[in-house]
Structures are given as structure tokens and as C-alpha cells.
């Protein structure tokens, strides 16, 4: 039904990941809307920039990886991992706007999103 309503598979996954897998929760329509917004935001941040090559953005990819890994190591705490991805995407977008090179951060975002969480980011 959600796919038929136009929501992406990533939106559905992100809606589910917003809750701890051991906790009961009730679906509300706003949750899928938030999932779709985050999916779109992550997708945009993960895309290759046109004409990158400016100065390095200085995004602390090791710090983001450590925070994400810590959340996932804590009984798959995906609700804590998602804000890390959002913040990483925000910094990528800021670097893009400033004309700095955030390619290493985009690689990390794609790795964590695709390889760990199974998102398509497309």
C-alpha cells in the first residue's frame, strides 16, 4: 500500500528504523512522511557533486563513523543512528554550498546507508 501511494522503499525502511526493533509502536501517517523527507535528503546528499574539486571540506568522517557504529553496536539502536546520518548529510550539503570537496563524506554516507542499512539512496 505505501509503495502504491508513492513512498520509496527507503522511506519505508527509514520509518521502521526510527523505532527500536524490540519496542512496540503504532504507525502514524506522519512517520512515513518523515521517512520520505529523510530519504530524499540522504539521496540528494549522497549524489556526486557536479564539478567537485575545491578545498577539502574537513568533515570528520571518522567521528561520524564512530558515532554511527556506537549506535548500531548498542543493540542495533537505529533511532540513534539516523540522526548521525542526517547530520552527515547536512554537513555534505553545507560543503557543497561552500564549494568544498566532501567526496569522502559522500562515500561514507553511501557506505553506511547502503551497506549497513540497506538503503538504495536513489
C-alpha atoms as a PDB file:
ATOM      1  CA  UNK A   1       0.000   0.000   0.000  1.00  0.00           C
ATOM      2  CA  UNK A   2       2.742   2.501   0.894  1.00  0.00           C
ATOM      3  CA  UNK A   3       4.620   1.794  -2.351  1.00  0.00           C
ATOM      4  CA  UNK A   4       1.357   2.233  -4.275  1.00  0.00           C
ATOM      5  CA  UNK A   5       0.917   5.569  -2.503  1.00  0.00           C
ATOM      6  CA  UNK A   6       4.263   6.724  -3.921  1.00  0.00           C
ATOM      7  CA  UNK A   7       6.551   6.242  -0.936  1.00  0.00           C
ATOM      8  CA  UNK A   8      10.008   4.915  -1.711  1.00  0.00           C
ATOM      9  CA  UNK A   9      11.400   1.692  -0.265  1.00  0.00           C
ATOM     10  CA  UNK A  10      13.964   3.854   1.553  1.00  0.00           C
ATOM     11  CA  UNK A  11      11.178   5.888   3.162  1.00  0.00           C
ATOM     12  CA  UNK A  12       9.548   2.722   4.453  1.00  0.00           C
ATOM     13  CA  UNK A  13      12.837   1.432   5.861  1.00  0.00           C
ATOM     14  CA  UNK A  14      13.628   4.770   7.495  1.00  0.00           C
ATOM     15  CA  UNK A  15      10.146   4.851   9.019  1.00  0.00           C
ATOM     16  CA  UNK A  16      10.814   1.447  10.552  1.00  0.00           C
ATOM     17  CA  UNK A  17      14.368   2.353  11.606  1.00  0.00           C
ATOM     18  CA  UNK A  18      13.014   5.315  13.570  1.00  0.00           C
ATOM     19  CA  UNK A  19      11.911   2.782  16.200  1.00  0.00           C
ATOM     20  CA  UNK A  20      13.913   0.270  18.199  1.00  0.00           C
ATOM     21  CA  UNK A  21      13.224  -3.183  16.900  1.00  0.00           C
ATOM     22  CA  UNK A  22      12.377  -4.502  20.360  1.00  0.00           C
ATOM     23  CA  UNK A  23       9.855  -1.774  21.171  1.00  0.00           C
ATOM     24  CA  UNK A  24       6.183  -1.803  20.278  1.00  0.00           C
ATOM     25  CA  UNK A  25       4.963   1.230  18.387  1.00  0.00           C
ATOM     26  CA  UNK A  26       1.912   2.384  16.496  1.00  0.00           C
ATOM     27  CA  UNK A  27       2.076   3.542  12.903  1.00  0.00           C
ATOM     28  CA  UNK A  28       1.072   7.131  12.201  1.00  0.00           C
ATOM     29  CA  UNK A  29       0.966   8.742   8.757  1.00  0.00           C
ATOM     30  CA  UNK A  30       3.405  11.453   9.783  1.00  0.00           C
ATOM     31  CA  UNK A  31       6.095   8.799  10.323  1.00  0.00           C
ATOM     32  CA  UNK A  32       6.149   7.756   6.676  1.00  0.00           C
ATOM     33  CA  UNK A  33       6.165  11.415   5.628  1.00  0.00           C
ATOM     34  CA  UNK A  34       9.221  11.994   7.824  1.00  0.00           C
ATOM     35  CA  UNK A  35      10.815   8.861   6.388  1.00  0.00           C
ATOM     36  CA  UNK A  36      10.263  10.115   2.848  1.00  0.00           C
ATOM     37  CA  UNK A  37      11.712  13.529   3.679  1.00  0.00           C
ATOM     38  CA  UNK A  38      14.812  11.922   5.192  1.00  0.00           C
ATOM     39  CA  UNK A  39      15.134   9.515   2.262  1.00  0.00           C
ATOM     40  CA  UNK A  40      15.046  12.418  -0.195  1.00  0.00           C
ATOM     41  CA  UNK A  41      17.561  14.404   1.855  1.00  0.00           C
ATOM     42  CA  UNK A  42      20.008  11.498   2.142  1.00  0.00           C
ATOM     43  CA  UNK A  43      19.640  10.720  -1.567  1.00  0.00           C
ATOM     44  CA  UNK A  44      20.468  14.311  -2.504  1.00  0.00           C
ATOM     45  CA  UNK A  45      23.472  14.435  -0.178  1.00  0.00           C
ATOM     46  CA  UNK A  46      24.787  11.082  -1.443  1.00  0.00           C
ATOM     47  CA  UNK A  47      24.757  12.061  -5.110  1.00  0.00           C
ATOM     48  CA  UNK A  48      28.041  13.021  -6.695  1.00  0.00           C
ATOM     49  CA  UNK A  49      28.505  16.754  -6.909  1.00  0.00           C
ATOM     50  CA  UNK A  50      28.955  18.399 -10.241  1.00  0.00           C
ATOM     51  CA  UNK A  51      32.500  19.627 -10.537  1.00  0.00           C
ATOM     52  CA  UNK A  52      33.839  18.917  -7.041  1.00  0.00           C
ATOM     53  CA  UNK A  53      37.489  19.563  -6.514  1.00  0.00           C
ATOM     54  CA  UNK A  54      37.527  22.510  -4.174  1.00  0.00           C
ATOM     55  CA  UNK A  55      39.370  22.537  -0.887  1.00  0.00           C
ATOM     56  CA  UNK A  56      38.723  19.620   1.432  1.00  0.00           C
ATOM     57  CA  UNK A  57      35.579  20.159   3.496  1.00  0.00           C
ATOM     58  CA  UNK A  58      37.191  18.937   6.700  1.00  0.00           C
ATOM     59  CA  UNK A  59      34.166  16.812   7.611  1.00  0.00           C
ATOM     60  CA  UNK A  60      35.162  14.458  10.416  1.00  0.00           C
ATOM     61  CA  UNK A  61      34.267  11.182   8.714  1.00  0.00           C
ATOM     62  CA  UNK A  62      35.984   9.114  11.415  1.00  0.00           C
ATOM     63  CA  UNK A  63      33.862  10.798  14.069  1.00  0.00           C
ATOM     64  CA  UNK A  64      30.655  10.167  12.138  1.00  0.00           C
ATOM     65  CA  UNK A  65      31.600   6.527  11.593  1.00  0.00           C
ATOM     66  CA  UNK A  66      32.389   6.089  15.304  1.00  0.00           C
ATOM     67  CA  UNK A  67      29.053   7.607  16.368  1.00  0.00           C
ATOM     68  CA  UNK A  68      27.093   5.536  13.869  1.00  0.00           C
ATOM     69  CA  UNK A  69      28.929   2.336  14.837  1.00  0.00           C
ATOM     70  CA  UNK A  70      28.372   3.035  18.536  1.00  0.00           C
ATOM     71  CA  UNK A  71      24.635   3.374  17.953  1.00  0.00           C
ATOM     72  CA  UNK A  72      24.457   0.194  15.923  1.00  0.00           C
ATOM     73  CA  UNK A  73      26.605  -1.670  18.459  1.00  0.00           C
ATOM     74  CA  UNK A  74      24.111  -0.675  21.151  1.00  0.00           C
ATOM     75  CA  UNK A  75      21.561  -3.373  20.327  1.00  0.00           C
ATOM     76  CA  UNK A  76      21.005  -2.011  16.802  1.00  0.00           C
ATOM     77  CA  UNK A  77      19.880   1.389  18.027  1.00  0.00           C
ATOM     78  CA  UNK A  78      18.781   2.652  14.629  1.00  0.00           C
ATOM     79  CA  UNK A  79      16.847   5.591  16.148  1.00  0.00           C
ATOM     80  CA  UNK A  80      20.202   6.890  17.412  1.00  0.00           C
ATOM     81  CA  UNK A  81      21.984   6.112  14.130  1.00  0.00           C
ATOM     82  CA  UNK A  82      19.577   8.060  11.914  1.00  0.00           C
ATOM     83  CA  UNK A  83      20.408  11.498  13.359  1.00  0.00           C
ATOM     84  CA  UNK A  84      24.079  10.756  12.685  1.00  0.00           C
ATOM     85  CA  UNK A  85      23.256  10.161   9.002  1.00  0.00           C
ATOM     86  CA  UNK A  86      21.128  13.308   8.889  1.00  0.00           C
ATOM     87  CA  UNK A  87      23.927  15.409  10.414  1.00  0.00           C
ATOM     88  CA  UNK A  88      26.453  13.926   7.990  1.00  0.00           C
ATOM     89  CA  UNK A  89      24.124  14.762   5.085  1.00  0.00           C
ATOM     90  CA  UNK A  90      23.692  18.314   6.414  1.00  0.00           C
ATOM     91  CA  UNK A  91      27.456  18.799   6.506  1.00  0.00           C
ATOM     92  CA  UNK A  92      27.793  17.392   2.979  1.00  0.00           C
ATOM     93  CA  UNK A  93      25.163  19.837   1.735  1.00  0.00           C
ATOM     94  CA  UNK A  94      26.876  22.726   3.530  1.00  0.00           C
ATOM     95  CA  UNK A  95      30.212  21.746   1.985  1.00  0.00           C
ATOM     96  CA  UNK A  96      28.581  21.549  -1.429  1.00  0.00           C
ATOM     97  CA  UNK A  97      27.115  25.043  -0.965  1.00  0.00           C
ATOM     98  CA  UNK A  98      30.537  26.340   0.105  1.00  0.00           C
ATOM     99  CA  UNK A  99      32.230  24.738  -2.898  1.00  0.00           C
ATOM    100  CA  UNK A 100      34.426  22.434  -0.818  1.00  0.00           C
ATOM    101  CA  UNK A 101      35.126  18.781  -1.545  1.00  0.00           C
ATOM    102  CA  UNK A 102      33.002  16.420   0.544  1.00  0.00           C
ATOM    103  CA  UNK A 103      33.642  13.307  -1.551  1.00  0.00           C
ATOM    104  CA  UNK A 104      34.995  11.281   1.392  1.00  0.00           C
ATOM    105  CA  UNK A 105      31.890  12.143   3.414  1.00  0.00           C
ATOM    106  CA  UNK A 106      29.623  11.145   0.499  1.00  0.00           C
ATOM    107  CA  UNK A 107      31.425   7.810   0.257  1.00  0.00           C
ATOM    108  CA  UNK A 108      30.850   7.280   3.985  1.00  0.00           C
ATOM    109  CA  UNK A 109      27.175   8.247   3.717  1.00  0.00           C
ATOM    110  CA  UNK A 110      26.678   5.765   0.876  1.00  0.00           C
ATOM    111  CA  UNK A 111      28.547   3.061   2.776  1.00  0.00           C
ATOM    112  CA  UNK A 112      26.534   3.471   5.977  1.00  0.00           C
ATOM    113  CA  UNK A 113      23.246   3.962   4.178  1.00  0.00           C
ATOM    114  CA  UNK A 114      23.586   1.270   1.527  1.00  0.00           C
ATOM    115  CA  UNK A 115      25.894  -1.336   3.003  1.00  0.00           C
ATOM    116  CA  UNK A 116      24.759  -1.183   6.620  1.00  0.00           C
ATOM    117  CA  UNK A 117      21.107  -0.102   6.476  1.00  0.00           C
ATOM    118  CA  UNK A 118      20.249  -1.444   3.037  1.00  0.00           C
ATOM    119  CA  UNK A 119      19.028   1.875   1.634  1.00  0.00           C
ATOM    120  CA  UNK A 120      19.177   2.461  -2.107  1.00  0.00           C
ATOM    121  CA  UNK A 121      19.861   6.206  -1.836  1.00  0.00           C
ATOM    122  CA  UNK A 122      18.433   6.542  -5.319  1.00  0.00           C
END
